[in-house]
């Protein structure tokens, strides 16, 4: 079943290649949606995909790229938005 989730990632996650890391992970997993920096220093990830793919994505979000330091990942269920046909970086 295809589901959508919003992940809010906090910690040292801006300026360390985190959005690129998430984009590459989502592409490999076949997940659609977006990643973007938030003004408070967090990173938002909106992801659409199979539940098993979300579990793998969450592992990768928690790990992050080598220079990041993830403190917390908050997960919220969201409606599936059909406008996303791939995974992109939003600004």
Protein backbone atom coordinates (compact mmCIF):
# COMPACT_ATOMS: atom_id res chain seq x y z
CA UNK A 1 0.00 0.00 0.00
CA UNK A 2 1.26 3.45 -0.92
CA UNK A 3 1.40 5.87 2.02
CA UNK A 4 2.79 9.34 2.67
CA UNK A 5 4.70 10.60 5.69
CA UNK A 6 6.25 13.86 6.75
CA UNK A 7 9.58 13.56 8.54
CA UNK A 8 11.00 16.52 10.44
CA UNK A 9 14.70 15.98 11.08
CA UNK A 10 16.47 18.06 13.71
CA UNK A 11 20.11 18.36 14.70
CA UNK A 12 23.10 19.46 12.64
CA UNK A 13 21.44 18.74 9.29
CA UNK A 14 21.89 21.90 7.20
CA UNK A 15 25.05 22.74 5.29
CA UNK A 16 26.34 19.15 5.41
CA UNK A 17 24.84 17.64 2.24
CA UNK A 18 21.79 16.25 4.04
CA UNK A 19 19.28 17.19 1.31
CA UNK A 20 21.47 15.60 -1.36
CA UNK A 21 21.87 12.49 0.84
CA UNK A 22 18.09 12.20 1.27
CA UNK A 23 17.46 12.74 -2.44
CA UNK A 24 19.87 9.94 -3.36
CA UNK A 25 18.35 7.59 -0.75
CA UNK A 26 14.78 8.32 -1.88
CA UNK A 27 15.70 7.82 -5.54
CA UNK A 28 17.28 4.44 -4.76
CA UNK A 29 14.19 3.39 -2.81
CA UNK A 30 11.72 4.58 -5.46
CA UNK A 31 10.16 7.16 -3.13
CA UNK A 32 8.44 10.29 -4.45
CA UNK A 33 8.17 13.64 -2.68
CA UNK A 34 10.54 16.37 -1.53
CA UNK A 35 13.17 17.49 0.95
CA UNK A 36 13.72 21.08 2.05
CA UNK A 37 15.49 23.14 4.68
CA UNK A 38 13.30 24.86 7.25
CA UNK A 39 14.04 28.29 8.71
CA UNK A 40 14.57 26.88 12.21
CA UNK A 41 17.49 24.66 11.09
CA UNK A 42 15.47 21.45 10.67
CA UNK A 43 14.96 19.53 7.43
CA UNK A 44 11.50 18.51 6.20
CA UNK A 45 11.00 15.35 4.15
CA UNK A 46 7.67 14.53 2.50
CA UNK A 47 7.80 10.95 1.22
CA UNK A 48 5.37 8.78 -0.76
CA UNK A 49 5.98 5.06 -1.10
CA UNK A 50 5.41 1.55 0.17
CA UNK A 51 5.50 1.10 3.94
CA UNK A 52 8.59 -1.12 3.72
CA UNK A 53 10.38 1.64 1.80
CA UNK A 54 9.47 4.14 4.54
CA UNK A 55 11.12 1.90 7.14
CA UNK A 56 14.34 1.87 5.14
CA UNK A 57 14.14 5.63 4.50
CA UNK A 58 13.73 6.27 8.24
CA UNK A 59 16.93 4.31 8.95
CA UNK A 60 18.78 6.45 6.44
CA UNK A 61 17.28 9.71 7.75
CA UNK A 62 18.48 8.83 11.25
CA UNK A 63 21.97 7.98 9.99
CA UNK A 64 22.41 10.96 7.63
CA UNK A 65 25.60 11.77 5.76
CA UNK A 66 28.91 11.54 7.61
CA UNK A 67 29.13 15.22 8.64
CA UNK A 68 25.56 15.45 9.96
CA UNK A 69 24.38 14.85 13.51
CA UNK A 70 20.71 13.81 13.66
CA UNK A 71 19.15 14.50 17.06
CA UNK A 72 15.53 13.57 16.34
CA UNK A 73 13.16 12.51 13.57
CA UNK A 74 9.47 13.32 14.06
CA UNK A 75 7.08 11.32 11.86
CA UNK A 76 3.56 12.34 10.83
CA UNK A 77 1.14 10.57 8.50
CA UNK A 78 0.10 12.72 5.55
CA UNK A 79 -2.24 12.41 2.57
CA UNK A 80 -0.74 11.15 -0.68
CA UNK A 81 -0.29 14.06 -3.11
CA UNK A 82 -0.31 12.97 -6.75
CA UNK A 83 1.63 16.01 -7.95
CA UNK A 84 4.93 14.40 -6.97
CA UNK A 85 6.14 12.01 -9.67
CA UNK A 86 9.76 11.94 -8.48
CA UNK A 87 11.80 13.10 -5.49
CA UNK A 88 12.98 16.71 -5.55
CA UNK A 89 14.70 19.38 -3.48
CA UNK A 90 12.31 22.23 -2.72
CA UNK A 91 13.48 25.71 -1.79
